[in-house]
Amino acid sequence: MVVASREHLHVLQEEDSSKRRQILAGARKVFMDLGFDGASMGEIARAAGVSKGTLYVYFADKSALFEAILEEEALFHGQVVFNFDPARDAETTLKDFGQAYNHLLCRPGGGSAIRTVMAIAERMPDVGRRYYLRVLDKTINRLSEYLKAHVASGDLEIDDCDLAASQFMELCKASLFLPLIFQAASPPSEQRMTEVVDSATRMFLAAYKAK
């Protein structure tokens, strides 16, 4: 009887997780299409293929839904592996990071979360702050720690590694990300991303490589 109860509980947990993913997928589409203000719980329920009653069992309101989507986005970013092994040379590491970072930002739907957070951050500052700290600031800190290791070894000359990390990340997405999130351009090609990252790396090392 104990085994049967455990198996039944496992099935219920899987169904619950599947239903939650179904709701979040529908909500993500609605937020992408209509933005936070334009989205409604009724519209989200229709997109997810569930009743409004079921939707409210899982999420109290659209703010809770939106925060759950941002949580997924933060987890996704955390699973992306950037190779910041201090033993790797700076040029190779910076180029590889720049490419991986742009793929993350410019993937289909990659700018939607940032676009929506930017739209609501002024009246929901806690949401914007948490997203920045868990996604953007975390990446800056990881790159900064790598740069500090190469300053210590004498390869780079940088007074403020946090600033330098932010500068490099901005250089990598220059001309790529803003046109994308403002719907002014299609996702960049692999060749274009490579050109921009190579240019960013040359500029960065010209400024910070030890003389």
N, C-alpha and C. Protein backbone atom coordinates (compact mmCIF):
# COMPACT_ATOMS: atom_id res chain seq x y z
N MET A 1 0.82 -1.21 0.00
CA MET A 1 0.00 0.00 0.00
C MET A 1 0.86 1.26 0.00
N VAL A 2 2.01 1.22 0.74
CA VAL A 2 2.90 2.37 0.80
C VAL A 2 3.50 2.64 -0.57
N VAL A 3 3.90 1.53 -1.27
CA VAL A 3 4.48 1.68 -2.61
C VAL A 3 3.46 2.29 -3.57
N ALA A 4 2.23 1.79 -3.51
CA ALA A 4 1.18 2.31 -4.39
C ALA A 4 0.93 3.78 -4.12
N SER A 5 0.96 4.18 -2.86
CA SER A 5 0.73 5.59 -2.52
C SER A 5 1.85 6.46 -3.06
N ARG A 6 3.07 5.98 -2.96
CA ARG A 6 4.21 6.75 -3.46
C ARG A 6 4.13 6.89 -4.99
N GLU A 7 3.75 5.80 -5.66
CA GLU A 7 3.63 5.86 -7.12
C GLU A 7 2.53 6.83 -7.52
N HIS A 8 1.44 6.80 -6.80
CA HIS A 8 0.32 7.70 -7.10
C HIS A 8 0.76 9.15 -6.89
N LEU A 9 1.51 9.40 -5.81
CA LEU A 9 1.99 10.75 -5.53
C LEU A 9 2.93 11.22 -6.63
N HIS A 10 3.79 10.32 -7.12
CA HIS A 10 4.73 10.68 -8.19
C HIS A 10 3.98 11.07 -9.46
N VAL A 11 2.92 10.30 -9.79
CA VAL A 11 2.12 10.61 -10.97
C VAL A 11 1.46 11.98 -10.83
N LEU A 12 0.90 12.24 -9.64
CA LEU A 12 0.25 13.54 -9.40
C LEU A 12 1.25 14.69 -9.51
N GLN A 13 2.46 14.48 -9.00
CA GLN A 13 3.49 15.52 -9.08
C GLN A 13 3.88 15.79 -10.53
N GLU A 14 4.00 14.73 -11.33
CA GLU A 14 4.34 14.89 -12.74
C GLU A 14 3.24 15.64 -13.48
N GLU A 15 1.97 15.28 -13.19
CA GLU A 15 0.84 15.96 -13.83
C GLU A 15 0.81 17.44 -13.44
N ASP A 16 1.08 17.70 -12.16
CA ASP A 16 1.08 19.07 -11.66
C ASP A 16 2.17 19.88 -12.35
N SER A 17 3.36 19.30 -12.48
CA SER A 17 4.48 19.98 -13.13
C SER A 17 4.19 20.23 -14.60
N SER A 18 3.57 19.24 -15.26
CA SER A 18 3.24 19.38 -16.68
C SER A 18 2.20 20.48 -16.88
N LYS A 19 1.21 20.54 -16.01
CA LYS A 19 0.17 21.57 -16.12
C LYS A 19 0.77 22.96 -15.90
N ARG A 20 1.69 23.05 -14.94
CA ARG A 20 2.34 24.34 -14.66
C ARG A 20 3.15 24.80 -15.88
N ARG A 21 3.88 23.87 -16.49
CA ARG A 21 4.66 24.22 -17.69
C ARG A 21 3.74 24.65 -18.82
N GLN A 22 2.59 23.99 -18.95
CA GLN A 22 1.61 24.33 -19.97
C GLN A 22 1.10 25.76 -19.77
N ILE A 23 0.82 26.10 -18.53
CA ILE A 23 0.33 27.45 -18.21
C ILE A 23 1.41 28.49 -18.48
N LEU A 24 2.63 28.20 -18.07
CA LEU A 24 3.72 29.16 -18.27
C LEU A 24 4.00 29.37 -19.76
N ALA A 25 3.89 28.31 -20.55
CA ALA A 25 4.10 28.44 -22.00
C ALA A 25 3.05 29.35 -22.61
N GLY A 26 1.80 29.18 -22.19
CA GLY A 26 0.73 30.03 -22.69
C GLY A 26 0.91 31.47 -22.24
N ALA A 27 1.29 31.65 -20.97
CA ALA A 27 1.50 33.00 -20.44
C ALA A 27 2.66 33.70 -21.15
N ARG A 28 3.72 32.96 -21.39
CA ARG A 28 4.88 33.54 -22.08
C ARG A 28 4.46 34.08 -23.45
N LYS A 29 3.65 33.31 -24.18
CA LYS A 29 3.20 33.75 -25.50
C LYS A 29 2.35 35.01 -25.40
N VAL A 30 1.46 35.05 -24.42
CA VAL A 30 0.58 36.23 -24.27
C VAL A 30 1.39 37.45 -23.89
N PHE A 31 2.33 37.30 -22.96
CA PHE A 31 3.17 38.43 -22.56
C PHE A 31 4.01 38.92 -23.74
N MET A 32 4.50 37.98 -24.55
CA MET A 32 5.29 38.37 -25.72
C MET A 32 4.44 39.13 -26.73
N ASP A 33 3.20 38.67 -26.93
CA ASP A 33 2.34 39.26 -27.95
C ASP A 33 1.69 40.58 -27.48
N LEU A 34 1.29 40.62 -26.21
CA LEU A 34 0.49 41.75 -25.73
C LEU A 34 1.19 42.63 -24.71
N GLY A 35 2.33 42.16 -24.18
CA GLY A 35 2.98 42.90 -23.11
C GLY A 35 2.28 42.64 -21.78
N PHE A 36 2.88 43.12 -20.70
CA PHE A 36 2.31 42.87 -19.38
C PHE A 36 0.95 43.54 -19.22
N ASP A 37 0.85 44.81 -19.61
CA ASP A 37 -0.41 45.54 -19.42
C ASP A 37 -1.54 44.97 -20.26
N GLY A 38 -1.22 44.53 -21.47
CA GLY A 38 -2.26 44.02 -22.36
C GLY A 38 -2.72 42.62 -22.03
N ALA A 39 -1.93 41.90 -21.26
CA ALA A 39 -2.27 40.51 -20.92
C ALA A 39 -3.35 40.47 -19.85
N SER A 40 -4.22 39.48 -19.94
CA SER A 40 -5.24 39.25 -18.92
C SER A 40 -5.23 37.77 -18.55
N MET A 41 -5.74 37.46 -17.38
CA MET A 41 -5.79 36.06 -16.96
C MET A 41 -6.67 35.24 -17.89
N GLY A 42 -7.73 35.86 -18.42
CA GLY A 42 -8.59 35.14 -19.36
C GLY A 42 -7.85 34.81 -20.65
N GLU A 43 -7.09 35.78 -21.16
CA GLU A 43 -6.32 35.55 -22.38
C GLU A 43 -5.25 34.49 -22.15
N ILE A 44 -4.63 34.53 -20.99
CA ILE A 44 -3.59 33.53 -20.67
C ILE A 44 -4.20 32.14 -20.55
N ALA A 45 -5.38 32.04 -19.93
CA ALA A 45 -6.05 30.75 -19.80
C ALA A 45 -6.37 30.17 -21.18
N ARG A 46 -6.85 31.01 -22.08
CA ARG A 46 -7.16 30.55 -23.44
C ARG A 46 -5.89 30.07 -24.16
N ALA A 47 -4.82 30.85 -24.05
CA ALA A 47 -3.57 30.49 -24.73
C ALA A 47 -2.99 29.19 -24.16
N ALA A 48 -3.19 28.98 -22.86
CA ALA A 48 -2.64 27.78 -22.21
C ALA A 48 -3.55 26.56 -22.37
N GLY A 49 -4.78 26.79 -22.81
CA GLY A 49 -5.72 25.69 -22.97
C GLY A 49 -6.24 25.14 -21.65
N VAL A 50 -6.40 26.05 -20.66
CA VAL A 50 -6.94 25.64 -19.36
C VAL A 50 -8.08 26.58 -18.98
N SER A 51 -8.85 26.19 -17.98
CA SER A 51 -9.92 27.06 -17.50
C SER A 51 -9.31 28.12 -16.58
N LYS A 52 -10.05 29.22 -16.40
CA LYS A 52 -9.57 30.26 -15.49
C LYS A 52 -9.48 29.72 -14.06
N GLY A 53 -10.38 28.81 -13.71
CA GLY A 53 -10.33 28.20 -12.38
C GLY A 53 -9.03 27.44 -12.16
N THR A 54 -8.64 26.67 -13.18
CA THR A 54 -7.37 25.94 -13.08
C THR A 54 -6.18 26.90 -13.00
N LEU A 55 -6.25 27.95 -13.79
CA LEU A 55 -5.16 28.94 -13.80
C LEU A 55 -4.96 29.53 -12.40
N TYR A 56 -6.08 29.86 -11.73
CA TYR A 56 -5.98 30.48 -10.40
C TYR A 56 -5.54 29.49 -9.32
N VAL A 57 -5.67 28.20 -9.58
CA VAL A 57 -5.14 27.21 -8.65
C VAL A 57 -3.62 27.31 -8.58
N TYR A 58 -3.00 27.63 -9.73
CA TYR A 58 -1.54 27.66 -9.81
C TYR A 58 -0.96 29.05 -9.57
N PHE A 59 -1.66 30.08 -9.99
CA PHE A 59 -1.13 31.44 -9.88
C PHE A 59 -2.23 32.40 -9.45
N ALA A 60 -1.89 33.24 -8.47
CA ALA A 60 -2.89 34.15 -7.91
C ALA A 60 -3.28 35.26 -8.87
N ASP A 61 -2.32 35.72 -9.68
CA ASP A 61 -2.59 36.82 -10.61
C ASP A 61 -1.50 36.84 -11.68
N LYS A 62 -1.60 37.79 -12.61
CA LYS A 62 -0.64 37.81 -13.71
C LYS A 62 0.75 38.25 -13.26
N SER A 63 0.82 38.98 -12.15
CA SER A 63 2.13 39.35 -11.61
C SER A 63 2.89 38.11 -11.15
N ALA A 64 2.18 37.20 -10.48
CA ALA A 64 2.81 35.95 -10.04
C ALA A 64 3.24 35.11 -11.25
N LEU A 65 2.42 35.11 -12.29
CA LEU A 65 2.77 34.39 -13.52
C LEU A 65 4.01 34.98 -14.17
N PHE A 66 4.06 36.30 -14.23
CA PHE A 66 5.18 36.96 -14.87
C PHE A 66 6.48 36.70 -14.10
N GLU A 67 6.38 36.75 -12.78
CA GLU A 67 7.57 36.48 -11.97
C GLU A 67 8.03 35.04 -12.14
N ALA A 68 7.11 34.11 -12.31
CA ALA A 68 7.48 32.71 -12.54
C ALA A 68 8.21 32.57 -13.87
N ILE A 69 7.79 33.32 -14.88
CA ILE A 69 8.46 33.29 -16.18
C ILE A 69 9.87 33.87 -16.06
N LEU A 70 10.01 34.95 -15.30
CA LEU A 70 11.34 35.52 -15.08
C LEU A 70 12.23 34.56 -14.31
N GLU A 71 11.63 33.81 -13.40
CA GLU A 71 12.39 32.80 -12.66
C GLU A 71 12.94 31.74 -13.62
N GLU A 72 12.09 31.32 -14.57
CA GLU A 72 12.55 30.37 -15.58
C GLU A 72 13.68 30.95 -16.42
N GLU A 73 13.54 32.22 -16.77
CA GLU A 73 14.57 32.90 -17.57
C GLU A 73 15.89 32.94 -16.81
N ALA A 74 15.83 33.25 -15.52
CA ALA A 74 17.04 33.29 -14.69
C ALA A 74 17.69 31.90 -14.61
N LEU A 75 16.87 30.87 -14.46
CA LEU A 75 17.39 29.50 -14.41
C LEU A 75 18.03 29.13 -15.74
N PHE A 76 17.40 29.54 -16.84
CA PHE A 76 17.95 29.25 -18.17
C PHE A 76 19.31 29.90 -18.33
N HIS A 77 19.42 31.18 -17.94
CA HIS A 77 20.70 31.88 -18.03
C HIS A 77 21.75 31.19 -17.17
N GLY A 78 21.33 30.72 -15.99
CA GLY A 78 22.27 30.07 -15.08
C GLY A 78 22.79 28.75 -15.61
N GLN A 79 22.04 28.13 -16.52
CA GLN A 79 22.46 26.85 -17.08
C GLN A 79 23.41 27.00 -18.27
N VAL A 80 23.50 28.23 -18.81
CA VAL A 80 24.41 28.46 -19.93
C VAL A 80 25.84 28.47 -19.40
N VAL A 81 26.69 27.67 -19.99
CA VAL A 81 28.06 27.51 -19.51
C VAL A 81 28.99 28.47 -20.26
N PHE A 82 29.57 29.41 -19.52
CA PHE A 82 30.63 30.27 -20.05
C PHE A 82 31.95 29.75 -19.49
N ASN A 83 32.90 29.48 -20.35
CA ASN A 83 34.18 28.92 -19.90
C ASN A 83 35.12 30.03 -19.46
N PHE A 84 35.12 30.29 -18.16
CA PHE A 84 35.99 31.32 -17.59
C PHE A 84 37.17 30.70 -16.85
N ASP A 85 37.71 29.62 -17.39
CA ASP A 85 38.90 29.00 -16.81
C ASP A 85 40.05 30.00 -16.88
N PRO A 86 40.63 30.40 -15.75
CA PRO A 86 41.72 31.39 -15.75
C PRO A 86 42.93 30.96 -16.57
N ALA A 87 43.06 29.66 -16.82
CA ALA A 87 44.21 29.18 -17.59
C ALA A 87 44.07 29.49 -19.09
N ARG A 88 42.86 29.80 -19.53
CA ARG A 88 42.66 30.11 -20.96
C ARG A 88 43.11 31.53 -21.25
N ASP A 89 43.64 31.74 -22.46
CA ASP A 89 44.09 33.08 -22.82
C ASP A 89 42.91 34.01 -23.00
N ALA A 90 43.16 35.30 -22.79
CA ALA A 90 42.08 36.29 -22.76
C ALA A 90 41.38 36.42 -24.10
N GLU A 91 42.12 36.44 -25.19
CA GLU A 91 41.49 36.65 -26.50
C GLU A 91 40.51 35.53 -26.83
N THR A 92 40.93 34.29 -26.64
CA THR A 92 40.05 33.15 -26.94
C THR A 92 38.83 33.16 -26.03
N THR A 93 39.05 33.41 -24.75
CA THR A 93 37.95 33.40 -23.79
C THR A 93 36.94 34.50 -24.08
N LEU A 94 37.43 35.70 -24.37
CA LEU A 94 36.53 36.81 -24.65
C LEU A 94 35.70 36.55 -25.91
N LYS A 95 36.34 36.02 -26.95
CA LYS A 95 35.61 35.73 -28.19
C LYS A 95 34.54 34.65 -27.96
N ASP A 96 34.92 33.60 -27.25
CA ASP A 96 33.96 32.52 -26.98
C ASP A 96 32.80 33.01 -26.13
N PHE A 97 33.12 33.81 -25.11
CA PHE A 97 32.07 34.36 -24.26
C PHE A 97 31.15 35.27 -25.06
N GLY A 98 31.73 36.15 -25.87
CA GLY A 98 30.92 37.08 -26.66
C GLY A 98 29.95 36.35 -27.58
N GLN A 99 30.43 35.30 -28.23
CA GLN A 99 29.55 34.52 -29.11
C GLN A 99 28.42 33.86 -28.33
N ALA A 100 28.78 33.22 -27.19
CA ALA A 100 27.76 32.54 -26.39
C ALA A 100 26.76 33.54 -25.81
N TYR A 101 27.25 34.70 -25.40
CA TYR A 101 26.38 35.73 -24.82
C TYR A 101 25.40 36.25 -25.86
N ASN A 102 25.87 36.48 -27.07
CA ASN A 102 24.98 36.97 -28.13
C ASN A 102 23.96 35.91 -28.54
N HIS A 103 24.38 34.65 -28.57
CA HIS A 103 23.42 33.59 -28.88
C HIS A 103 22.31 33.55 -27.83
N LEU A 104 22.69 33.78 -26.58
CA LEU A 104 21.71 33.79 -25.49
C LEU A 104 20.74 34.95 -25.64
N LEU A 105 21.26 36.14 -25.91
CA LEU A 105 20.42 37.32 -26.02
C LEU A 105 19.55 37.31 -27.27
N CYS A 106 20.12 36.85 -28.37
CA CYS A 106 19.46 36.98 -29.67
C CYS A 106 18.72 35.72 -30.10
N ARG A 107 18.58 34.75 -29.19
CA ARG A 107 17.81 33.55 -29.52
C ARG A 107 16.35 33.95 -29.71
N PRO A 108 15.55 33.13 -30.40
CA PRO A 108 14.13 33.46 -30.57
C PRO A 108 13.46 33.68 -29.22
N GLY A 109 12.86 34.83 -29.06
CA GLY A 109 12.20 35.17 -27.80
C GLY A 109 13.14 35.65 -26.71
N GLY A 110 14.45 35.71 -27.01
CA GLY A 110 15.43 36.07 -25.99
C GLY A 110 15.28 37.47 -25.45
N GLY A 111 14.82 38.39 -26.29
CA GLY A 111 14.67 39.77 -25.84
C GLY A 111 13.33 40.08 -25.22
N SER A 112 12.40 39.13 -25.29
CA SER A 112 11.04 39.41 -24.83
C SER A 112 10.97 39.68 -23.33
N ALA A 113 11.68 38.87 -22.55
CA ALA A 113 11.65 39.06 -21.10
C ALA A 113 12.23 40.42 -20.72
N ILE A 114 13.37 40.76 -21.32
CA ILE A 114 14.00 42.05 -21.01
C ILE A 114 13.10 43.19 -21.44
N ARG A 115 12.50 43.08 -22.61
CA ARG A 115 11.61 44.13 -23.11
C ARG A 115 10.44 44.35 -22.15
N THR A 116 9.86 43.27 -21.67
CA THR A 116 8.71 43.38 -20.78
C THR A 116 9.12 43.89 -19.40
N VAL A 117 10.28 43.42 -18.90
CA VAL A 117 10.77 43.91 -17.61
C VAL A 117 11.03 45.41 -17.68
N MET A 118 11.63 45.87 -18.76
CA MET A 118 11.90 47.29 -18.93
C MET A 118 10.60 48.09 -18.89
N ALA A 119 9.55 47.51 -19.44
CA ALA A 119 8.28 48.23 -19.51
C ALA A 119 7.60 48.37 -18.16
N ILE A 120 7.86 47.43 -17.25
CA ILE A 120 7.14 47.47 -15.96
C ILE A 120 8.04 47.82 -14.78
N ALA A 121 9.37 47.94 -15.02
CA ALA A 121 10.31 48.12 -13.91
C ALA A 121 10.04 49.39 -13.11
N GLU A 122 9.55 50.43 -13.76
CA GLU A 122 9.34 51.69 -13.03
C GLU A 122 8.27 51.56 -11.96
N ARG A 123 7.19 50.83 -12.25
CA ARG A 123 6.14 50.71 -11.23
C ARG A 123 6.24 49.41 -10.44
N MET A 124 7.11 48.46 -10.89
CA MET A 124 7.37 47.23 -10.15
C MET A 124 8.87 47.08 -9.99
N PRO A 125 9.50 48.00 -9.23
CA PRO A 125 10.97 48.02 -9.16
C PRO A 125 11.59 46.74 -8.61
N ASP A 126 10.87 46.06 -7.71
CA ASP A 126 11.42 44.82 -7.15
C ASP A 126 11.61 43.76 -8.23
N VAL A 127 10.69 43.70 -9.17
CA VAL A 127 10.79 42.74 -10.26
C VAL A 127 12.01 43.05 -11.12
N GLY A 128 12.16 44.32 -11.49
CA GLY A 128 13.31 44.72 -12.30
C GLY A 128 14.62 44.48 -11.58
N ARG A 129 14.66 44.81 -10.28
CA ARG A 129 15.89 44.65 -9.50
C ARG A 129 16.29 43.17 -9.40
N ARG A 130 15.32 42.31 -9.13
CA ARG A 130 15.63 40.88 -9.01
C ARG A 130 16.12 40.31 -10.34
N TYR A 131 15.49 40.72 -11.43
CA TYR A 131 15.91 40.23 -12.74
C TYR A 131 17.34 40.67 -13.03
N TYR A 132 17.64 41.93 -12.76
CA TYR A 132 18.99 42.44 -13.03
C TYR A 132 20.03 41.68 -12.21
N LEU A 133 19.76 41.49 -10.92
CA LEU A 133 20.74 40.85 -10.05
C LEU A 133 20.94 39.38 -10.40
N ARG A 134 19.84 38.69 -10.75
CA ARG A 134 19.93 37.25 -10.98
C ARG A 134 20.40 36.89 -12.39
N VAL A 135 20.25 37.81 -13.33
CA VAL A 135 20.61 37.50 -14.72
C VAL A 135 21.80 38.33 -15.18
N LEU A 136 21.65 39.64 -15.24
CA LEU A 136 22.67 40.49 -15.85
C LEU A 136 23.88 40.69 -14.94
N ASP A 137 23.62 41.07 -13.69
CA ASP A 137 24.72 41.33 -12.76
C ASP A 137 25.54 40.07 -12.49
N LYS A 138 24.89 38.94 -12.46
CA LYS A 138 25.60 37.68 -12.21
C LYS A 138 26.62 37.40 -13.32
N THR A 139 26.25 37.66 -14.56
CA THR A 139 27.16 37.45 -15.68
C THR A 139 28.32 38.44 -15.64
N ILE A 140 28.02 39.69 -15.31
CA ILE A 140 29.07 40.70 -15.17
C ILE A 140 30.09 40.25 -14.13
N ASN A 141 29.61 39.76 -13.00
CA ASN A 141 30.50 39.34 -11.92
C ASN A 141 31.39 38.18 -12.32
N ARG A 142 30.84 37.24 -13.08
CA ARG A 142 31.64 36.08 -13.51
C ARG A 142 32.75 36.50 -14.46
N LEU A 143 32.42 37.38 -15.40
CA LEU A 143 33.44 37.87 -16.32
C LEU A 143 34.47 38.72 -15.56
N SER A 144 34.02 39.52 -14.62
CA SER A 144 34.92 40.36 -13.83
C SER A 144 35.93 39.52 -13.07
N GLU A 145 35.50 38.41 -12.49
CA GLU A 145 36.42 37.54 -11.75
C GLU A 145 37.49 36.97 -12.68
N TYR A 146 37.10 36.62 -13.89
CA TYR A 146 38.07 36.12 -14.87
C TYR A 146 39.11 37.21 -15.19
N LEU A 147 38.63 38.43 -15.41
CA LEU A 147 39.53 39.54 -15.73
C LEU A 147 40.50 39.81 -14.58
N LYS A 148 40.01 39.72 -13.35
CA LYS A 148 40.87 39.95 -12.19
C LYS A 148 42.01 38.93 -12.14
N ALA A 149 41.72 37.70 -12.53
CA ALA A 149 42.76 36.67 -12.54
C ALA A 149 43.85 37.02 -13.54
N HIS A 150 43.48 37.62 -14.67
CA HIS A 150 44.46 37.97 -15.69
C HIS A 150 45.16 39.29 -15.40
N VAL A 151 44.54 40.11 -14.59
CA VAL A 151 45.25 41.29 -14.08
C VAL A 151 46.34 40.82 -13.12
N ALA A 152 45.98 39.87 -12.26
CA ALA A 152 46.94 39.36 -11.28
C ALA A 152 48.13 38.66 -11.95
N SER A 153 47.87 38.02 -13.09
CA SER A 153 48.96 37.32 -13.80
C SER A 153 49.79 38.26 -14.68
N GLY A 154 49.31 39.50 -14.83
CA GLY A 154 50.06 40.48 -15.60
C GLY A 154 49.70 40.57 -17.06
N ASP A 155 48.68 39.81 -17.50
CA ASP A 155 48.28 39.84 -18.91
C ASP A 155 47.47 41.09 -19.25
N LEU A 156 46.68 41.55 -18.28
CA LEU A 156 45.81 42.71 -18.49
C LEU A 156 46.12 43.79 -17.47
N GLU A 157 45.86 45.03 -17.86
CA GLU A 157 46.00 46.17 -16.95
C GLU A 157 44.64 46.86 -16.84
N ILE A 158 43.91 46.54 -15.77
CA ILE A 158 42.56 47.07 -15.58
C ILE A 158 42.42 47.55 -14.15
N ASP A 159 41.98 48.79 -13.99
CA ASP A 159 41.76 49.33 -12.65
C ASP A 159 40.42 48.90 -12.07
N ASP A 160 39.40 48.82 -12.91
CA ASP A 160 38.03 48.49 -12.46
C ASP A 160 37.51 47.34 -13.32
N CYS A 161 37.63 46.12 -12.82
CA CYS A 161 37.24 44.95 -13.63
C CYS A 161 35.73 44.83 -13.79
N ASP A 162 34.95 45.31 -12.83
CA ASP A 162 33.49 45.29 -12.99
C ASP A 162 33.08 46.20 -14.15
N LEU A 163 33.68 47.38 -14.20
CA LEU A 163 33.40 48.30 -15.31
C LEU A 163 33.86 47.70 -16.63
N ALA A 164 35.05 47.12 -16.65
CA ALA A 164 35.58 46.54 -17.88
C ALA A 164 34.70 45.40 -18.38
N ALA A 165 34.19 44.57 -17.46
CA ALA A 165 33.30 43.47 -17.84
C ALA A 165 32.02 44.01 -18.48
N SER A 166 31.45 45.05 -17.87
CA SER A 166 30.25 45.67 -18.43
C SER A 166 30.52 46.26 -19.80
N GLN A 167 31.68 46.91 -19.94
CA GLN A 167 32.04 47.50 -21.23
C GLN A 167 32.13 46.44 -22.32
N PHE A 168 32.77 45.32 -22.00
CA PHE A 168 32.92 44.28 -23.02
C PHE A 168 31.57 43.70 -23.43
N MET A 169 30.70 43.48 -22.46
CA MET A 169 29.38 42.94 -22.78
C MET A 169 28.58 43.90 -23.65
N GLU A 170 28.71 45.20 -23.39
CA GLU A 170 28.01 46.18 -24.22
C GLU A 170 28.60 46.21 -25.63
N LEU A 171 29.92 46.11 -25.74
CA LEU A 171 30.56 46.10 -27.05
C LEU A 171 30.10 44.89 -27.87
N CYS A 172 29.95 43.74 -27.21
CA CYS A 172 29.58 42.51 -27.92
C CYS A 172 28.20 42.59 -28.56
N LYS A 173 27.29 43.30 -27.91
CA LYS A 173 25.92 43.36 -28.45
C LYS A 173 25.64 44.64 -29.22
N ALA A 174 26.68 45.47 -29.40
CA ALA A 174 26.51 46.73 -30.13
C ALA A 174 25.98 46.47 -31.53
N SER A 175 24.95 47.19 -31.92
CA SER A 175 24.29 47.12 -33.23
C SER A 175 23.46 45.84 -33.42
N LEU A 176 23.45 44.95 -32.41
CA LEU A 176 22.72 43.69 -32.55
C LEU A 176 21.46 43.64 -31.68
N PHE A 177 21.62 43.93 -30.38
CA PHE A 177 20.54 43.65 -29.44
C PHE A 177 19.45 44.71 -29.42
N LEU A 178 19.82 45.97 -29.39
CA LEU A 178 18.80 47.01 -29.34
C LEU A 178 17.89 46.99 -30.57
N PRO A 179 18.42 46.88 -31.79
CA PRO A 179 17.51 46.78 -32.94
C PRO A 179 16.57 45.58 -32.83
N LEU A 180 17.08 44.50 -32.20
CA LEU A 180 16.25 43.30 -32.05
C LEU A 180 15.11 43.52 -31.07
N ILE A 181 15.40 44.07 -29.88
CA ILE A 181 14.33 44.19 -28.89
C ILE A 181 13.33 45.29 -29.25
N PHE A 182 13.75 46.24 -30.10
CA PHE A 182 12.81 47.27 -30.55
C PHE A 182 12.14 46.90 -31.87
N GLN A 183 12.31 45.64 -32.28
CA GLN A 183 11.66 45.12 -33.49
C GLN A 183 12.09 45.88 -34.74
N ALA A 184 13.30 46.44 -34.72
CA ALA A 184 13.79 47.19 -35.87
C ALA A 184 14.65 46.33 -36.79
N ALA A 185 14.96 45.11 -36.36
CA ALA A 185 15.78 44.23 -37.18
C ALA A 185 15.50 42.78 -36.80
N SER A 186 15.80 41.88 -37.73
CA SER A 186 15.67 40.45 -37.47
C SER A 186 16.86 39.98 -36.64
N PRO A 187 16.79 38.78 -36.05
CA PRO A 187 17.94 38.26 -35.32
C PRO A 187 19.18 38.25 -36.22
N PRO A 188 20.33 38.65 -35.68
CA PRO A 188 21.55 38.74 -36.50
C PRO A 188 22.05 37.37 -36.96
N SER A 189 22.75 37.37 -38.08
CA SER A 189 23.31 36.12 -38.59
C SER A 189 24.54 35.73 -37.77
N GLU A 190 24.94 34.49 -37.91
CA GLU A 190 26.14 34.01 -37.24
C GLU A 190 27.36 34.82 -37.66
N GLN A 191 27.44 35.12 -38.96
CA GLN A 191 28.57 35.89 -39.47
C GLN A 191 28.62 37.29 -38.86
N ARG A 192 27.45 37.93 -38.75
CA ARG A 192 27.41 39.28 -38.19
C ARG A 192 27.80 39.27 -36.72
N MET A 193 27.31 38.28 -35.96
CA MET A 193 27.68 38.20 -34.55
C MET A 193 29.18 38.00 -34.39
N THR A 194 29.77 37.18 -35.23
CA THR A 194 31.22 36.95 -35.18
C THR A 194 31.98 38.23 -35.47
N GLU A 195 31.54 38.99 -36.47
CA GLU A 195 32.20 40.26 -36.82
C GLU A 195 32.16 41.23 -35.64
N VAL A 196 31.01 41.34 -35.00
CA VAL A 196 30.87 42.28 -33.90
C VAL A 196 31.71 41.85 -32.69
N VAL A 197 31.69 40.57 -32.38
CA VAL A 197 32.47 40.08 -31.23
C VAL A 197 33.97 40.20 -31.49
N ASP A 198 34.41 39.91 -32.70
CA ASP A 198 35.83 40.07 -33.03
C ASP A 198 36.26 41.53 -32.88
N SER A 199 35.41 42.44 -33.34
CA SER A 199 35.71 43.86 -33.21
C SER A 199 35.74 44.27 -31.74
N ALA A 200 34.78 43.79 -30.96
CA ALA A 200 34.72 44.10 -29.53
C ALA A 200 35.98 43.61 -28.82
N THR A 201 36.43 42.42 -29.18
CA THR A 201 37.63 41.85 -28.55
C THR A 201 38.87 42.67 -28.89
N ARG A 202 38.99 43.07 -30.13
CA ARG A 202 40.15 43.90 -30.53
C ARG A 202 40.15 45.22 -29.77
N MET A 203 39.02 45.86 -29.68
CA MET A 203 38.91 47.14 -28.97
C MET A 203 39.24 46.96 -27.48
N PHE A 204 38.71 45.92 -26.89
CA PHE A 204 38.91 45.68 -25.47
C PHE A 204 40.38 45.44 -25.16
N LEU A 205 41.03 44.59 -25.95
CA LEU A 205 42.44 44.28 -25.69
C LEU A 205 43.35 45.46 -26.03
N ALA A 206 42.94 46.27 -27.00
CA ALA A 206 43.72 47.48 -27.31
C ALA A 206 43.74 48.42 -26.11
N ALA A 207 42.66 48.43 -25.35
CA ALA A 207 42.57 49.30 -24.17
C ALA A 207 43.20 48.69 -22.93
N TYR A 208 43.07 47.37 -22.77
CA TYR A 208 43.40 46.76 -21.49
C TYR A 208 44.55 45.75 -21.51
N LYS A 209 45.04 45.36 -22.67
CA LYS A 209 46.15 44.42 -22.68
C LYS A 209 47.39 45.07 -22.11
N ALA A 210 48.14 44.33 -21.31
CA ALA A 210 49.35 44.88 -20.67
C ALA A 210 50.35 45.32 -21.74
N LYS A 211 50.86 46.50 -21.57
CA LYS A 211 51.81 47.03 -22.53
C LYS A 211 53.20 46.45 -22.30
